[in-house]
Amino acid sequence: MSGSQSGPDVRIALEQHAAYCRALAGCGLDVTVMAADAGYPDGTFVEDTFVIAERVAIATRPGASTRSGEVASVAAALRRFRPQSAQIEPPGTVDGGDICRVDNHFLIGLSARTNEAGAAQLAAILASHQYTASTIDIRNHSSLLHLKSGISYLGEHRFLLAPGFPPFRELADYNRIEVAAGEAYAANCVRVNDDVFVAAGFPRLAGALHKLGYRIRLLHMTEFAKMDGGLSCLSLRF
């Protein structure tokens, strides 16, 4: 996702976040909203702090040092739902935005935020809980802050990809939909039960998904796009 030269409008960002939470609830999810912490302005991108599956909850170690304090507060909020059972240790770093779950397999993006040591730790933890994992190296692709900046798994053996997303062999056996030029931001979608959340303002993608039979929820994300954040970044879903 590419940033914007103008800063976000906080009032609009709050409205967009509230609409996102309502959409999650509308899909049948119980939603917990954490209190804001002015010490961590990136805290709204809560996905980066944990990797959660049915058999394990893994505290990450974000690649940006300014975000290290976010993990503890998220762990406290998660405790009543899913106890933490593992964590990434130095020198490893992992951002949740680099982790794309594909059924019981996890794609781990090697990026400016997730390093090889962190990826190896995460893969080992997942393996100990009977999940598989593989890595995708996006470090030479400057347009991708995180792996999920350019890829989403929609279920039914189908990926959504940003324009020009590299043809990694890990994706070869899947159906792939490439987002149209000019709509790269919309490649970060979220499948929630029977709905697919899509950023508003990208009609070609929304139309293509509708034709494939997906039920679309359009959500305005303009202010989060200015901070290199996408739909998946704003929640931990389990």
C-alpha atoms as a PDB file:
ATOM      1  CA  MET A   1       0.000   0.000   0.000  1.00  0.00           C
ATOM      2  CA  SER A   2       1.341   3.403  -0.796  1.00  0.00           C
ATOM      3  CA  GLY A   3       1.120   6.309   1.592  1.00  0.00           C
ATOM      4  CA  SER A   4      -0.207   9.783   0.980  1.00  0.00           C
ATOM      5  CA  GLN A   5       1.462  13.158   1.352  1.00  0.00           C
ATOM      6  CA  SER A   6      -1.435  14.547   3.374  1.00  0.00           C
ATOM      7  CA  GLY A   7      -2.001  13.375   6.927  1.00  0.00           C
ATOM      8  CA  PRO A   8      -5.146  11.610   8.067  1.00  0.00           C
ATOM      9  CA  ASP A   9      -8.164  13.497   9.359  1.00  0.00           C
ATOM     10  CA  VAL A  10      -8.684  12.050  12.844  1.00  0.00           C
ATOM     11  CA  ARG A  11     -12.410  12.748  12.906  1.00  0.00           C
ATOM     12  CA  ILE A  12     -12.975  10.921   9.626  1.00  0.00           C
ATOM     13  CA  ALA A  13     -10.651   8.099  10.685  1.00  0.00           C
ATOM     14  CA  LEU A  14     -12.735   7.545  13.824  1.00  0.00           C
ATOM     15  CA  GLU A  15     -15.922   7.450  11.741  1.00  0.00           C
ATOM     16  CA  GLN A  16     -14.371   4.956   9.341  1.00  0.00           C
ATOM     17  CA  HIS A  17     -13.130   2.790  12.207  1.00  0.00           C
ATOM     18  CA  ALA A  18     -16.579   2.788  13.799  1.00  0.00           C
ATOM     19  CA  ALA A  19     -18.130   1.730  10.484  1.00  0.00           C
ATOM     20  CA  TYR A  20     -15.584  -1.084  10.223  1.00  0.00           C
ATOM     21  CA  CYS A  21     -16.514  -2.329  13.697  1.00  0.00           C
ATOM     22  CA  ARG A  22     -20.218  -2.202  12.819  1.00  0.00           C
ATOM     23  CA  ALA A  23     -19.518  -4.236   9.689  1.00  0.00           C
ATOM     24  CA  LEU A  24     -17.722  -6.916  11.711  1.00  0.00           C
ATOM     25  CA  ALA A  25     -20.649  -7.090  14.115  1.00  0.00           C
ATOM     26  CA  GLY A  26     -23.029  -7.233  11.179  1.00  0.00           C
ATOM     27  CA  CYS A  27     -21.265 -10.388   9.999  1.00  0.00           C
ATOM     28  CA  GLY A  28     -22.026 -12.081  13.304  1.00  0.00           C
ATOM     29  CA  LEU A  29     -18.772 -11.409  15.142  1.00  0.00           C
ATOM     30  CA  ASP A  30     -18.462 -10.291  18.747  1.00  0.00           C
ATOM     31  CA  VAL A  31     -16.347  -7.146  18.617  1.00  0.00           C
ATOM     32  CA  THR A  32     -14.048  -5.842  21.343  1.00  0.00           C
ATOM     33  CA  VAL A  33     -12.693  -2.323  20.826  1.00  0.00           C
ATOM     34  CA  MET A  34      -9.561  -1.471  22.784  1.00  0.00           C
ATOM     35  CA  ALA A  35      -9.109   1.927  24.358  1.00  0.00           C
ATOM     36  CA  ALA A  36      -6.921   4.363  22.473  1.00  0.00           C
ATOM     37  CA  ASP A  37      -3.347   4.858  23.696  1.00  0.00           C
ATOM     38  CA  ALA A  38      -1.803   8.131  22.565  1.00  0.00           C
ATOM     39  CA  GLY A  39       1.657   6.649  23.118  1.00  0.00           C
ATOM     40  CA  TYR A  40       1.156   4.266  20.217  1.00  0.00           C
ATOM     41  CA  PRO A  41      -0.338   6.067  17.220  1.00  0.00           C
ATOM     42  CA  ASP A  42       0.001   2.925  15.069  1.00  0.00           C
ATOM     43  CA  GLY A  43      -1.942   0.898  17.642  1.00  0.00           C
ATOM     44  CA  THR A  44      -5.055   0.914  15.469  1.00  0.00           C
ATOM     45  CA  PHE A  45      -3.238  -1.576  13.227  1.00  0.00           C
ATOM     46  CA  VAL A  46      -3.770  -4.266  15.839  1.00  0.00           C
ATOM     47  CA  GLU A  47      -3.268  -7.179  13.437  1.00  0.00           C
ATOM     48  CA  ASP A  48       0.506  -6.737  13.592  1.00  0.00           C
ATOM     49  CA  THR A  49       0.737  -7.751  17.251  1.00  0.00           C
ATOM     50  CA  PHE A  50      -0.507 -11.359  17.210  1.00  0.00           C
ATOM     51  CA  VAL A  51      -0.883 -14.412  15.014  1.00  0.00           C
ATOM     52  CA  ILE A  52      -3.903 -16.395  16.192  1.00  0.00           C
ATOM     53  CA  ALA A  53      -5.126 -19.837  15.192  1.00  0.00           C
ATOM     54  CA  GLU A  54      -7.391 -22.361  16.869  1.00  0.00           C
ATOM     55  CA  ARG A  55      -4.543 -24.146  18.656  1.00  0.00           C
ATOM     56  CA  VAL A  56      -2.126 -21.301  19.368  1.00  0.00           C
ATOM     57  CA  ALA A  57      -1.898 -17.529  19.993  1.00  0.00           C
ATOM     58  CA  ILE A  58       1.521 -16.108  19.168  1.00  0.00           C
ATOM     59  CA  ALA A  59       2.673 -12.685  20.336  1.00  0.00           C
ATOM     60  CA  THR A  60       4.730 -11.080  17.594  1.00  0.00           C
ATOM     61  CA  ARG A  61       7.691  -8.732  17.846  1.00  0.00           C
ATOM     62  CA  PRO A  62       6.918  -5.851  15.461  1.00  0.00           C
ATOM     63  CA  GLY A  63       9.692  -4.771  13.142  1.00  0.00           C
ATOM     64  CA  ALA A  64       9.281  -1.079  14.003  1.00  0.00           C
ATOM     65  CA  SER A  65      10.796  -0.483  17.451  1.00  0.00           C
ATOM     66  CA  THR A  66       8.264   2.273  18.158  1.00  0.00           C
ATOM     67  CA  ARG A  67       5.538  -0.383  18.203  1.00  0.00           C
ATOM     68  CA  SER A  68       7.072  -2.804  20.707  1.00  0.00           C
ATOM     69  CA  GLY A  69       4.839  -1.660  23.569  1.00  0.00           C
ATOM     70  CA  GLU A  70       1.645  -2.505  21.698  1.00  0.00           C
ATOM     71  CA  VAL A  71       1.967  -6.260  22.175  1.00  0.00           C
ATOM     72  CA  ALA A  72       1.481  -6.284  25.957  1.00  0.00           C
ATOM     73  CA  SER A  73      -1.761  -4.305  25.872  1.00  0.00           C
ATOM     74  CA  VAL A  74      -3.208  -6.490  23.118  1.00  0.00           C
ATOM     75  CA  ALA A  75      -2.176  -9.614  25.047  1.00  0.00           C
ATOM     76  CA  ALA A  76      -4.108  -8.320  28.062  1.00  0.00           C
ATOM     77  CA  ALA A  77      -7.204  -7.703  25.935  1.00  0.00           C
ATOM     78  CA  LEU A  78      -6.975 -11.169  24.372  1.00  0.00           C
ATOM     79  CA  ARG A  79      -6.488 -13.058  27.620  1.00  0.00           C
ATOM     80  CA  ARG A  80     -10.164 -13.729  28.260  1.00  0.00           C
ATOM     81  CA  PHE A  81     -10.608 -15.128  24.751  1.00  0.00           C
ATOM     82  CA  ARG A  82      -7.373 -16.937  23.961  1.00  0.00           C
ATOM     83  CA  PRO A  83      -4.360 -17.242  26.294  1.00  0.00           C
ATOM     84  CA  GLN A  84      -1.013 -16.450  24.765  1.00  0.00           C
ATOM     85  CA  SER A  85       0.957 -19.658  24.288  1.00  0.00           C
ATOM     86  CA  ALA A  86       4.086 -18.497  22.435  1.00  0.00           C
ATOM     87  CA  GLN A  87       5.978 -15.395  21.423  1.00  0.00           C
ATOM     88  CA  ILE A  88       8.634 -14.258  18.991  1.00  0.00           C
ATOM     89  CA  GLU A  89      11.985 -13.594  20.663  1.00  0.00           C
ATOM     90  CA  PRO A  90      14.939 -11.383  19.672  1.00  0.00           C
ATOM     91  CA  PRO A  91      16.537 -11.174  17.194  1.00  0.00           C
ATOM     92  CA  GLY A  92      13.377 -12.247  15.420  1.00  0.00           C
ATOM     93  CA  THR A  93      10.804  -9.730  14.227  1.00  0.00           C
ATOM     94  CA  VAL A  94       7.334 -10.465  12.872  1.00  0.00           C
ATOM     95  CA  ASP A  95       4.472  -8.186  11.855  1.00  0.00           C
ATOM     96  CA  GLY A  96       1.073  -9.838  11.614  1.00  0.00           C
ATOM     97  CA  GLY A  97       0.488  -8.018   8.342  1.00  0.00           C
ATOM     98  CA  ASP A  98       3.088 -10.314   6.802  1.00  0.00           C
ATOM     99  CA  ILE A  99       1.143 -13.453   7.712  1.00  0.00           C
ATOM    100  CA  CYS A 100      -1.490 -14.776   5.310  1.00  0.00           C
ATOM    101  CA  ARG A 101      -3.411 -17.807   6.502  1.00  0.00           C
ATOM    102  CA  VAL A 102      -4.470 -20.228   3.790  1.00  0.00           C
ATOM    103  CA  ASP A 103      -6.690 -22.794   5.506  1.00  0.00           C
ATOM    104  CA  ASN A 104      -4.224 -24.646   7.784  1.00  0.00           C
ATOM    105  CA  HIS A 105      -1.132 -23.307   6.035  1.00  0.00           C
ATOM    106  CA  PHE A 106       0.529 -19.967   6.794  1.00  0.00           C
ATOM    107  CA  LEU A 107       2.383 -17.846   4.249  1.00  0.00           C
ATOM    108  CA  ILE A 108       5.046 -15.761   6.031  1.00  0.00           C
ATOM    109  CA  GLY A 109       6.267 -12.696   4.175  1.00  0.00           C
ATOM    110  CA  LEU A 110       9.913 -11.742   4.582  1.00  0.00           C
ATOM    111  CA  SER A 111       9.844  -7.950   4.522  1.00  0.00           C
ATOM    112  CA  ALA A 112      11.317  -4.821   6.070  1.00  0.00           C
ATOM    113  CA  ARG A 113       9.266  -5.702   9.170  1.00  0.00           C
ATOM    114  CA  THR A 114       9.498  -9.517   9.348  1.00  0.00           C
ATOM    115  CA  ASN A 115      13.007 -10.977   9.282  1.00  0.00           C
ATOM    116  CA  GLU A 116      14.295 -14.491   8.643  1.00  0.00           C
ATOM    117  CA  ALA A 117      14.845 -15.217  12.348  1.00  0.00           C
ATOM    118  CA  GLY A 118      11.274 -14.235  13.161  1.00  0.00           C
ATOM    119  CA  ALA A 119       9.887 -16.233  10.259  1.00  0.00           C
ATOM    120  CA  ALA A 120      11.824 -19.320  11.363  1.00  0.00           C
ATOM    121  CA  GLN A 121      10.555 -18.994  14.924  1.00  0.00           C
ATOM    122  CA  LEU A 122       6.983 -18.523  13.773  1.00  0.00           C
ATOM    123  CA  ALA A 123       7.144 -21.518  11.416  1.00  0.00           C
ATOM    124  CA  ALA A 124       8.542 -23.702  14.214  1.00  0.00           C
ATOM    125  CA  ILE A 125       5.824 -22.628  16.658  1.00  0.00           C
ATOM    126  CA  LEU A 126       3.114 -23.280  14.089  1.00  0.00           C
ATOM    127  CA  ALA A 127       4.590 -26.701  13.259  1.00  0.00           C
ATOM    128  CA  SER A 128       4.498 -27.639  16.941  1.00  0.00           C
ATOM    129  CA  HIS A 129       0.743 -27.080  16.796  1.00  0.00           C
ATOM    130  CA  GLN A 130       0.237 -29.083  13.582  1.00  0.00           C
ATOM    131  CA  TYR A 131       0.149 -26.171  11.143  1.00  0.00           C
ATOM    132  CA  THR A 132       2.392 -25.810   8.094  1.00  0.00           C
ATOM    133  CA  ALA A 133       4.148 -22.667   6.904  1.00  0.00           C
ATOM    134  CA  SER A 134       6.316 -21.360   4.080  1.00  0.00           C
ATOM    135  CA  THR A 135       8.004 -18.027   3.361  1.00  0.00           C
ATOM    136  CA  ILE A 136       7.564 -15.537   0.535  1.00  0.00           C
ATOM    137  CA  ASP A 137      10.343 -12.979   0.149  1.00  0.00           C
ATOM    138  CA  ILE A 138       8.954  -9.535  -0.748  1.00  0.00           C
ATOM    139  CA  ARG A 139      12.018  -7.536   0.309  1.00  0.00           C
ATOM    140  CA  ASN A 140      12.810  -6.554  -3.282  1.00  0.00           C
ATOM    141  CA  HIS A 141       9.287  -5.270  -3.893  1.00  0.00           C
ATOM    142  CA  SER A 142       9.269  -1.748  -2.474  1.00  0.00           C
ATOM    143  CA  SER A 143       5.557  -1.197  -3.145  1.00  0.00           C
ATOM    144  CA  LEU A 144       4.693  -3.818  -0.508  1.00  0.00           C
ATOM    145  CA  LEU A 145       5.021  -2.766   3.129  1.00  0.00           C
ATOM    146  CA  HIS A 146       3.625  -6.150   4.199  1.00  0.00           C
ATOM    147  CA  LEU A 147       2.793  -9.355   2.382  1.00  0.00           C
ATOM    148  CA  LYS A 148      -0.915  -8.646   2.772  1.00  0.00           C
ATOM    149  CA  SER A 149      -0.461  -5.241   1.191  1.00  0.00           C
ATOM    150  CA  GLY A 150      -0.590  -7.191  -2.060  1.00  0.00           C
ATOM    151  CA  ILE A 151      -2.407 -10.438  -1.390  1.00  0.00           C
ATOM    152  CA  SER A 152      -5.602 -11.708   0.222  1.00  0.00           C
ATOM    153  CA  TYR A 153      -6.919 -15.242   0.548  1.00  0.00           C
ATOM    154  CA  LEU A 154     -10.633 -15.407  -0.219  1.00  0.00           C
ATOM    155  CA  GLY A 155     -11.171 -19.094   0.497  1.00  0.00           C
ATOM    156  CA  GLU A 156     -12.296 -21.643  -2.086  1.00  0.00           C
ATOM    157  CA  HIS A 157      -8.677 -22.014  -3.251  1.00  0.00           C
ATOM    158  CA  ARG A 158      -8.624 -18.393  -4.525  1.00  0.00           C
ATOM    159  CA  PHE A 159      -6.199 -15.505  -4.015  1.00  0.00           C
ATOM    160  CA  LEU A 160      -6.619 -11.823  -4.780  1.00  0.00           C
ATOM    161  CA  LEU A 161      -3.378 -10.195  -5.930  1.00  0.00           C
ATOM    162  CA  ALA A 162      -2.178  -6.622  -6.453  1.00  0.00           C
ATOM    163  CA  PRO A 163      -1.208  -5.701 -10.019  1.00  0.00           C
ATOM    164  CA  GLY A 164       2.183  -7.177 -10.879  1.00  0.00           C
ATOM    165  CA  PHE A 165       2.391  -9.288  -7.717  1.00  0.00           C
ATOM    166  CA  PRO A 166       5.325 -11.660  -8.293  1.00  0.00           C
ATOM    167  CA  PRO A 167       4.442 -15.195  -9.486  1.00  0.00           C
ATOM    168  CA  PHE A 168       5.692 -16.999  -6.380  1.00  0.00           C
ATOM    169  CA  ARG A 169       5.639 -20.779  -6.710  1.00  0.00           C
ATOM    170  CA  GLU A 170       3.649 -21.063  -3.463  1.00  0.00           C
ATOM    171  CA  LEU A 171       0.652 -19.642  -5.340  1.00  0.00           C
ATOM    172  CA  ALA A 172       0.942 -21.776  -8.461  1.00  0.00           C
ATOM    173  CA  ASP A 173      -1.768 -24.272  -7.555  1.00  0.00           C
ATOM    174  CA  TYR A 174      -4.372 -21.661  -6.617  1.00  0.00           C
ATOM    175  CA  ASN A 175      -6.854 -19.631  -8.617  1.00  0.00           C
ATOM    176  CA  ARG A 176      -5.643 -16.038  -8.787  1.00  0.00           C
ATOM    177  CA  ILE A 177      -7.485 -12.783  -9.420  1.00  0.00           C
ATOM    178  CA  GLU A 178      -5.272  -9.825 -10.273  1.00  0.00           C
ATOM    179  CA  VAL A 179      -6.590  -6.419  -9.251  1.00  0.00           C
ATOM    180  CA  ALA A 180      -6.778  -3.909 -12.091  1.00  0.00           C
ATOM    181  CA  ALA A 181      -4.098  -1.268 -12.535  1.00  0.00           C
ATOM    182  CA  GLY A 182      -4.916   1.741 -10.391  1.00  0.00           C
ATOM    183  CA  GLU A 183      -6.742  -0.348  -7.774  1.00  0.00           C
ATOM    184  CA  ALA A 184      -3.729  -1.911  -6.026  1.00  0.00           C
ATOM    185  CA  TYR A 185      -4.830  -0.731  -2.579  1.00  0.00           C
ATOM    186  CA  ALA A 186      -7.980  -2.842  -2.867  1.00  0.00           C
ATOM    187  CA  ALA A 187      -5.919  -6.055  -2.986  1.00  0.00           C
ATOM    188  CA  ASN A 188      -6.095  -6.019   0.814  1.00  0.00           C
ATOM    189  CA  CYS A 189      -9.552  -7.481   1.335  1.00  0.00           C
ATOM    190  CA  VAL A 190     -10.970  -9.409   4.296  1.00  0.00           C
ATOM    191  CA  ARG A 191     -13.225 -12.465   4.113  1.00  0.00           C
ATOM    192  CA  VAL A 192     -15.518 -12.504   7.155  1.00  0.00           C
ATOM    193  CA  ASN A 193     -17.847 -15.503   7.174  1.00  0.00           C
ATOM    194  CA  ASP A 194     -19.915 -15.070   3.989  1.00  0.00           C
ATOM    195  CA  ASP A 195     -18.912 -11.465   3.309  1.00  0.00           C
ATOM    196  CA  VAL A 196     -15.853  -9.882   1.736  1.00  0.00           C
ATOM    197  CA  PHE A 197     -14.822  -6.454   2.984  1.00  0.00           C
ATOM    198  CA  VAL A 198     -13.532  -4.296   0.127  1.00  0.00           C
ATOM    199  CA  ALA A 199     -12.211  -0.752   0.313  1.00  0.00           C
ATOM    200  CA  ALA A 200     -14.682   1.659  -1.274  1.00  0.00           C
ATOM    201  CA  GLY A 201     -13.678   3.530  -4.410  1.00  0.00           C
ATOM    202  CA  PHE A 202     -12.438   0.561  -6.436  1.00  0.00           C
ATOM    203  CA  PRO A 203     -15.418  -0.388  -8.635  1.00  0.00           C
ATOM    204  CA  ARG A 204     -13.630  -2.750 -11.012  1.00  0.00           C
ATOM    205  CA  LEU A 205     -12.599  -5.097  -8.227  1.00  0.00           C
ATOM    206  CA  ALA A 206     -15.949  -4.874  -6.465  1.00  0.00           C
ATOM    207  CA  GLY A 207     -17.680  -5.710  -9.736  1.00  0.00           C
ATOM    208  CA  ALA A 208     -15.388  -8.652 -10.452  1.00  0.00           C
ATOM    209  CA  LEU A 209     -15.941 -10.158  -7.009  1.00  0.00           C
ATOM    210  CA  HIS A 210     -19.690  -9.640  -7.277  1.00  0.00           C
ATOM    211  CA  LYS A 211     -19.728 -11.544 -10.574  1.00  0.00           C
ATOM    212  CA  LEU A 212     -17.934 -14.426  -8.839  1.00  0.00           C
ATOM    213  CA  GLY A 213     -20.789 -14.598  -6.348  1.00  0.00           C
ATOM    214  CA  TYR A 214     -19.182 -12.896  -3.356  1.00  0.00           C
ATOM    215  CA  ARG A 215     -21.280 -10.722  -1.064  1.00  0.00           C
ATOM    216  CA  ILE A 216     -19.445  -7.400  -0.843  1.00  0.00           C
ATOM    217  CA  ARG A 217     -19.303  -4.864   1.958  1.00  0.00           C
ATOM    218  CA  LEU A 218     -17.723  -1.604   0.817  1.00  0.00           C
ATOM    219  CA  LEU A 219     -15.916   0.320   3.544  1.00  0.00           C
ATOM    220  CA  HIS A 220     -14.307   3.735   3.299  1.00  0.00           C
ATOM    221  CA  MET A 221     -10.610   3.523   4.190  1.00  0.00           C
ATOM    222  CA  THR A 222      -9.216   6.806   2.909  1.00  0.00           C
ATOM    223  CA  GLU A 223      -7.657   7.927   6.200  1.00  0.00           C
ATOM    224  CA  PHE A 224      -6.051   4.559   6.957  1.00  0.00           C
ATOM    225  CA  ALA A 225      -4.640   4.360   3.430  1.00  0.00           C
ATOM    226  CA  LYS A 226      -2.729   7.553   4.234  1.00  0.00           C
ATOM    227  CA  MET A 227      -0.995   5.601   7.019  1.00  0.00           C
ATOM    228  CA  ASP A 228      -0.184   2.549   4.853  1.00  0.00           C
ATOM    229  CA  GLY A 229      -2.967   0.602   6.575  1.00  0.00           C
ATOM    230  CA  GLY A 230      -5.561  -1.667   5.033  1.00  0.00           C
ATOM    231  CA  LEU A 231      -8.734  -3.495   5.981  1.00  0.00           C
ATOM    232  CA  SER A 232      -6.991  -6.512   7.468  1.00  0.00           C
ATOM    233  CA  CYS A 233      -4.738  -4.319   9.631  1.00  0.00           C
ATOM    234  CA  LEU A 234      -7.569  -3.010  11.804  1.00  0.00           C
ATOM    235  CA  SER A 235      -8.598  -6.211  13.569  1.00  0.00           C
ATOM    236  CA  LEU A 236      -7.560  -9.577  14.940  1.00  0.00           C
ATOM    237  CA  ARG A 237     -10.176 -12.053  13.769  1.00  0.00           C
ATOM    238  CA  PHE A 238     -10.548 -15.487  15.337  1.00  0.00           C
END
